Amino acid sequence: MKSEIVNLRLTQEQKAAIDYAAKQAGITRTEFMVMAAVERAMDERYDGVRFTLPREDFNYLMDQLSDDISPNQLAEAEKMRSVKLPWEK
C-alpha cells in the first residue's frame, strides 16, 4: 500500500513535458514520475556495481577478450589488466 508523499516544485515547462510524456505513455503524471524516478534510481544503483575475480579468472577473461579485438580495445583491456586488485594493495 502506498503511504508516502513526495512534493515537487516544477517549472511550467517541466510540468508540461512530464504531462506530455505521461499522456503519450497512457499513464498518469504520478505514475510517470514514479516510474521515471525509480528507473533512474536503479540505473544509479547498478552503475556502481563492482565485482571481483580471482587473478587467474581475470587473466583468463582478459586473454579471451584480447583474441579478436581492435588495438584501441586492446589498450583499454591492458589498462584494466594493470589495475591493482584489492588484495594486492
N, C-alpha and C. Protein backbone atom coordinates (compact mmCIF):
# COMPACT_ATOMS: atom_id res chain seq x y z
N MET A 1 0.84 -1.18 0.00
CA MET A 1 0.00 0.00 0.00
C MET A 1 0.88 1.24 0.00
N LYS A 2 0.57 2.17 -0.86
CA LYS A 2 1.32 3.42 -0.94
C LYS A 2 0.94 4.32 0.21
N SER A 3 1.95 4.78 0.94
CA SER A 3 1.65 5.63 2.09
C SER A 3 2.54 6.86 2.17
N GLU A 4 3.54 6.95 1.32
CA GLU A 4 4.48 8.08 1.39
C GLU A 4 4.10 9.15 0.38
N ILE A 5 4.31 10.40 0.77
CA ILE A 5 4.00 11.53 -0.11
C ILE A 5 5.30 12.28 -0.39
N VAL A 6 5.49 12.62 -1.66
CA VAL A 6 6.64 13.43 -2.07
C VAL A 6 6.09 14.61 -2.85
N ASN A 7 6.45 15.81 -2.43
CA ASN A 7 6.02 17.02 -3.13
C ASN A 7 7.18 17.56 -3.96
N LEU A 8 6.87 18.03 -5.16
CA LEU A 8 7.89 18.58 -6.04
C LEU A 8 7.45 19.95 -6.54
N ARG A 9 8.39 20.82 -6.75
CA ARG A 9 8.11 22.10 -7.39
C ARG A 9 8.74 22.04 -8.77
N LEU A 10 7.94 22.37 -9.78
CA LEU A 10 8.38 22.31 -11.17
C LEU A 10 8.10 23.63 -11.86
N THR A 11 8.85 23.87 -12.92
CA THR A 11 8.50 25.00 -13.78
C THR A 11 7.32 24.56 -14.64
N GLN A 12 6.67 25.51 -15.27
CA GLN A 12 5.57 25.17 -16.16
C GLN A 12 6.05 24.28 -17.30
N GLU A 13 7.26 24.57 -17.79
CA GLU A 13 7.81 23.78 -18.89
C GLU A 13 8.09 22.34 -18.48
N GLN A 14 8.63 22.15 -17.28
CA GLN A 14 8.89 20.80 -16.78
C GLN A 14 7.59 20.02 -16.63
N LYS A 15 6.60 20.68 -16.03
CA LYS A 15 5.30 20.01 -15.84
C LYS A 15 4.68 19.66 -17.19
N ALA A 16 4.75 20.58 -18.14
CA ALA A 16 4.18 20.32 -19.47
C ALA A 16 4.90 19.15 -20.14
N ALA A 17 6.21 19.09 -20.02
CA ALA A 17 6.97 17.99 -20.63
C ALA A 17 6.59 16.65 -19.99
N ILE A 18 6.46 16.65 -18.68
CA ILE A 18 6.08 15.42 -17.97
C ILE A 18 4.66 15.01 -18.34
N ASP A 19 3.76 15.98 -18.37
CA ASP A 19 2.38 15.68 -18.73
C ASP A 19 2.29 15.11 -20.14
N TYR A 20 3.04 15.69 -21.06
CA TYR A 20 3.03 15.21 -22.45
C TYR A 20 3.54 13.77 -22.51
N ALA A 21 4.67 13.51 -21.86
CA ALA A 21 5.25 12.17 -21.88
C ALA A 21 4.32 11.16 -21.23
N ALA A 22 3.70 11.53 -20.13
CA ALA A 22 2.76 10.63 -19.44
C ALA A 22 1.57 10.32 -20.34
N LYS A 23 1.06 11.35 -21.02
CA LYS A 23 -0.08 11.14 -21.91
C LYS A 23 0.31 10.20 -23.05
N GLN A 24 1.50 10.40 -23.61
CA GLN A 24 1.98 9.53 -24.69
C GLN A 24 2.09 8.08 -24.22
N ALA A 25 2.49 7.91 -22.95
CA ALA A 25 2.65 6.57 -22.39
C ALA A 25 1.31 5.99 -21.92
N GLY A 26 0.29 6.82 -21.87
CA GLY A 26 -1.03 6.35 -21.44
C GLY A 26 -1.12 6.11 -19.95
N ILE A 27 -0.37 6.89 -19.18
CA ILE A 27 -0.39 6.75 -17.72
C ILE A 27 -0.55 8.12 -17.09
N THR A 28 -0.81 8.14 -15.80
CA THR A 28 -0.97 9.41 -15.10
C THR A 28 0.38 10.07 -14.88
N ARG A 29 0.33 11.36 -14.57
CA ARG A 29 1.56 12.09 -14.25
C ARG A 29 2.29 11.43 -13.08
N THR A 30 1.54 11.08 -12.06
CA THR A 30 2.16 10.45 -10.89
C THR A 30 2.82 9.13 -11.27
N GLU A 31 2.10 8.30 -12.00
CA GLU A 31 2.68 7.02 -12.43
C GLU A 31 3.95 7.24 -13.25
N PHE A 32 3.90 8.21 -14.15
CA PHE A 32 5.07 8.50 -14.98
C PHE A 32 6.25 8.95 -14.13
N MET A 33 6.01 9.86 -13.22
CA MET A 33 7.09 10.40 -12.40
C MET A 33 7.68 9.33 -11.49
N VAL A 34 6.84 8.50 -10.92
CA VAL A 34 7.33 7.42 -10.06
C VAL A 34 8.16 6.44 -10.88
N MET A 35 7.62 6.05 -12.05
CA MET A 35 8.34 5.10 -12.90
C MET A 35 9.69 5.67 -13.33
N ALA A 36 9.70 6.94 -13.76
CA ALA A 36 10.94 7.56 -14.21
C ALA A 36 11.96 7.67 -13.07
N ALA A 37 11.47 8.07 -11.90
CA ALA A 37 12.37 8.23 -10.76
C ALA A 37 12.95 6.89 -10.32
N VAL A 38 12.12 5.86 -10.28
CA VAL A 38 12.60 4.53 -9.86
C VAL A 38 13.59 3.97 -10.88
N GLU A 39 13.28 4.13 -12.18
CA GLU A 39 14.23 3.66 -13.21
C GLU A 39 15.57 4.36 -13.06
N ARG A 40 15.54 5.66 -12.85
CA ARG A 40 16.80 6.43 -12.69
C ARG A 40 17.55 5.99 -11.44
N ALA A 41 16.82 5.76 -10.36
CA ALA A 41 17.45 5.31 -9.11
C ALA A 41 18.10 3.94 -9.31
N MET A 42 17.44 3.06 -10.02
CA MET A 42 18.01 1.73 -10.26
C MET A 42 19.24 1.83 -11.15
N ASP A 43 19.20 2.71 -12.16
CA ASP A 43 20.37 2.92 -13.00
C ASP A 43 21.56 3.36 -12.17
N GLU A 44 21.34 4.33 -11.29
CA GLU A 44 22.41 4.83 -10.44
C GLU A 44 22.94 3.72 -9.53
N ARG A 45 22.03 2.95 -9.00
CA ARG A 45 22.42 1.87 -8.09
C ARG A 45 23.29 0.84 -8.79
N TYR A 46 22.88 0.43 -9.98
CA TYR A 46 23.60 -0.63 -10.65
C TYR A 46 24.80 -0.14 -11.45
N ASP A 47 24.88 1.17 -11.72
CA ASP A 47 26.08 1.69 -12.38
C ASP A 47 27.29 1.56 -11.47
N GLY A 48 27.05 1.54 -10.19
CA GLY A 48 28.15 1.45 -9.23
C GLY A 48 28.49 0.03 -8.81
N VAL A 49 27.86 -0.95 -9.42
CA VAL A 49 28.12 -2.34 -9.03
C VAL A 49 29.51 -2.76 -9.50
N ARG A 50 30.24 -3.35 -8.62
CA ARG A 50 31.57 -3.85 -8.95
C ARG A 50 31.62 -5.32 -8.59
N PHE A 51 32.45 -6.03 -9.29
CA PHE A 51 32.66 -7.42 -8.92
C PHE A 51 34.15 -7.70 -9.01
N THR A 52 34.57 -8.68 -8.27
CA THR A 52 35.98 -9.05 -8.28
C THR A 52 36.12 -10.49 -8.72
N LEU A 53 37.23 -10.74 -9.34
CA LEU A 53 37.54 -12.10 -9.80
C LEU A 53 38.90 -12.49 -9.25
N PRO A 54 39.09 -13.76 -9.00
CA PRO A 54 40.44 -14.21 -8.68
C PRO A 54 41.37 -13.90 -9.86
N ARG A 55 42.63 -13.65 -9.59
CA ARG A 55 43.60 -13.25 -10.61
C ARG A 55 43.56 -14.19 -11.82
N GLU A 56 43.53 -15.50 -11.59
CA GLU A 56 43.57 -16.43 -12.73
C GLU A 56 42.31 -16.31 -13.60
N ASP A 57 41.16 -16.08 -12.99
CA ASP A 57 39.93 -15.89 -13.76
C ASP A 57 39.97 -14.58 -14.53
N PHE A 58 40.49 -13.53 -13.89
CA PHE A 58 40.62 -12.24 -14.55
C PHE A 58 41.54 -12.36 -15.76
N ASN A 59 42.68 -13.03 -15.58
CA ASN A 59 43.62 -13.22 -16.68
C ASN A 59 42.98 -14.02 -17.82
N TYR A 60 42.21 -15.03 -17.48
CA TYR A 60 41.51 -15.81 -18.50
C TYR A 60 40.55 -14.93 -19.27
N LEU A 61 39.80 -14.11 -18.56
CA LEU A 61 38.86 -13.20 -19.21
C LEU A 61 39.61 -12.25 -20.14
N MET A 62 40.69 -11.69 -19.66
CA MET A 62 41.46 -10.76 -20.48
C MET A 62 42.03 -11.45 -21.71
N ASP A 63 42.48 -12.67 -21.56
CA ASP A 63 43.00 -13.42 -22.70
C ASP A 63 41.91 -13.67 -23.73
N GLN A 64 40.72 -13.99 -23.26
CA GLN A 64 39.61 -14.23 -24.17
C GLN A 64 39.22 -12.94 -24.91
N LEU A 65 39.26 -11.85 -24.19
CA LEU A 65 38.90 -10.57 -24.80
C LEU A 65 39.93 -10.11 -25.82
N SER A 66 41.18 -10.42 -25.58
CA SER A 66 42.24 -9.90 -26.45
C SER A 66 42.42 -10.73 -27.72
N ASP A 67 41.70 -11.83 -27.88
CA ASP A 67 41.86 -12.66 -29.06
C ASP A 67 41.39 -11.98 -30.35
N ASP A 68 40.31 -11.22 -30.30
CA ASP A 68 39.73 -10.68 -31.53
C ASP A 68 39.18 -9.28 -31.29
N ILE A 69 40.07 -8.36 -30.87
CA ILE A 69 39.61 -7.00 -30.62
C ILE A 69 40.52 -6.00 -31.32
N SER A 70 40.03 -4.78 -31.43
CA SER A 70 40.79 -3.71 -32.09
C SER A 70 41.96 -3.27 -31.21
N PRO A 71 42.93 -2.59 -31.80
CA PRO A 71 44.06 -2.08 -31.00
C PRO A 71 43.61 -1.15 -29.87
N ASN A 72 42.59 -0.33 -30.14
CA ASN A 72 42.08 0.57 -29.10
C ASN A 72 41.46 -0.23 -27.96
N GLN A 73 40.68 -1.24 -28.29
CA GLN A 73 40.07 -2.08 -27.26
C GLN A 73 41.15 -2.82 -26.49
N LEU A 74 42.19 -3.25 -27.19
CA LEU A 74 43.29 -3.95 -26.52
C LEU A 74 43.98 -3.02 -25.53
N ALA A 75 44.17 -1.77 -25.90
CA ALA A 75 44.79 -0.80 -24.99
C ALA A 75 43.94 -0.62 -23.74
N GLU A 76 42.62 -0.55 -23.92
CA GLU A 76 41.72 -0.42 -22.77
C GLU A 76 41.78 -1.68 -21.90
N ALA A 77 41.86 -2.82 -22.53
CA ALA A 77 41.95 -4.08 -21.78
C ALA A 77 43.26 -4.13 -20.99
N GLU A 78 44.32 -3.65 -21.61
CA GLU A 78 45.61 -3.62 -20.90
C GLU A 78 45.55 -2.68 -19.71
N LYS A 79 44.82 -1.59 -19.86
CA LYS A 79 44.64 -0.67 -18.74
C LYS A 79 43.93 -1.39 -17.59
N MET A 80 42.91 -2.17 -17.95
CA MET A 80 42.19 -2.95 -16.93
C MET A 80 43.13 -3.95 -16.26
N ARG A 81 43.96 -4.59 -17.08
CA ARG A 81 44.86 -5.61 -16.56
C ARG A 81 45.86 -5.02 -15.57
N SER A 82 46.21 -3.75 -15.75
CA SER A 82 47.22 -3.13 -14.90
C SER A 82 46.67 -2.64 -13.56
N VAL A 83 45.35 -2.66 -13.40
CA VAL A 83 44.74 -2.20 -12.15
C VAL A 83 45.10 -3.17 -11.04
N LYS A 84 45.55 -2.60 -9.92
CA LYS A 84 45.87 -3.44 -8.77
C LYS A 84 44.57 -3.97 -8.16
N LEU A 85 44.55 -5.23 -7.86
CA LEU A 85 43.38 -5.86 -7.24
C LEU A 85 43.36 -5.51 -5.76
N PRO A 86 42.17 -5.51 -5.16
CA PRO A 86 42.07 -5.10 -3.76
C PRO A 86 43.02 -5.83 -2.82
N TRP A 87 43.23 -7.11 -3.05
CA TRP A 87 44.09 -7.87 -2.15
C TRP A 87 45.57 -7.66 -2.47
N GLU A 88 45.89 -6.94 -3.52
CA GLU A 88 47.28 -6.65 -3.86
C GLU A 88 47.75 -5.30 -3.30
N LYS A 89 46.84 -4.53 -2.78
CA LYS A 89 47.19 -3.18 -2.32
C LYS A 89 47.88 -3.21 -0.99
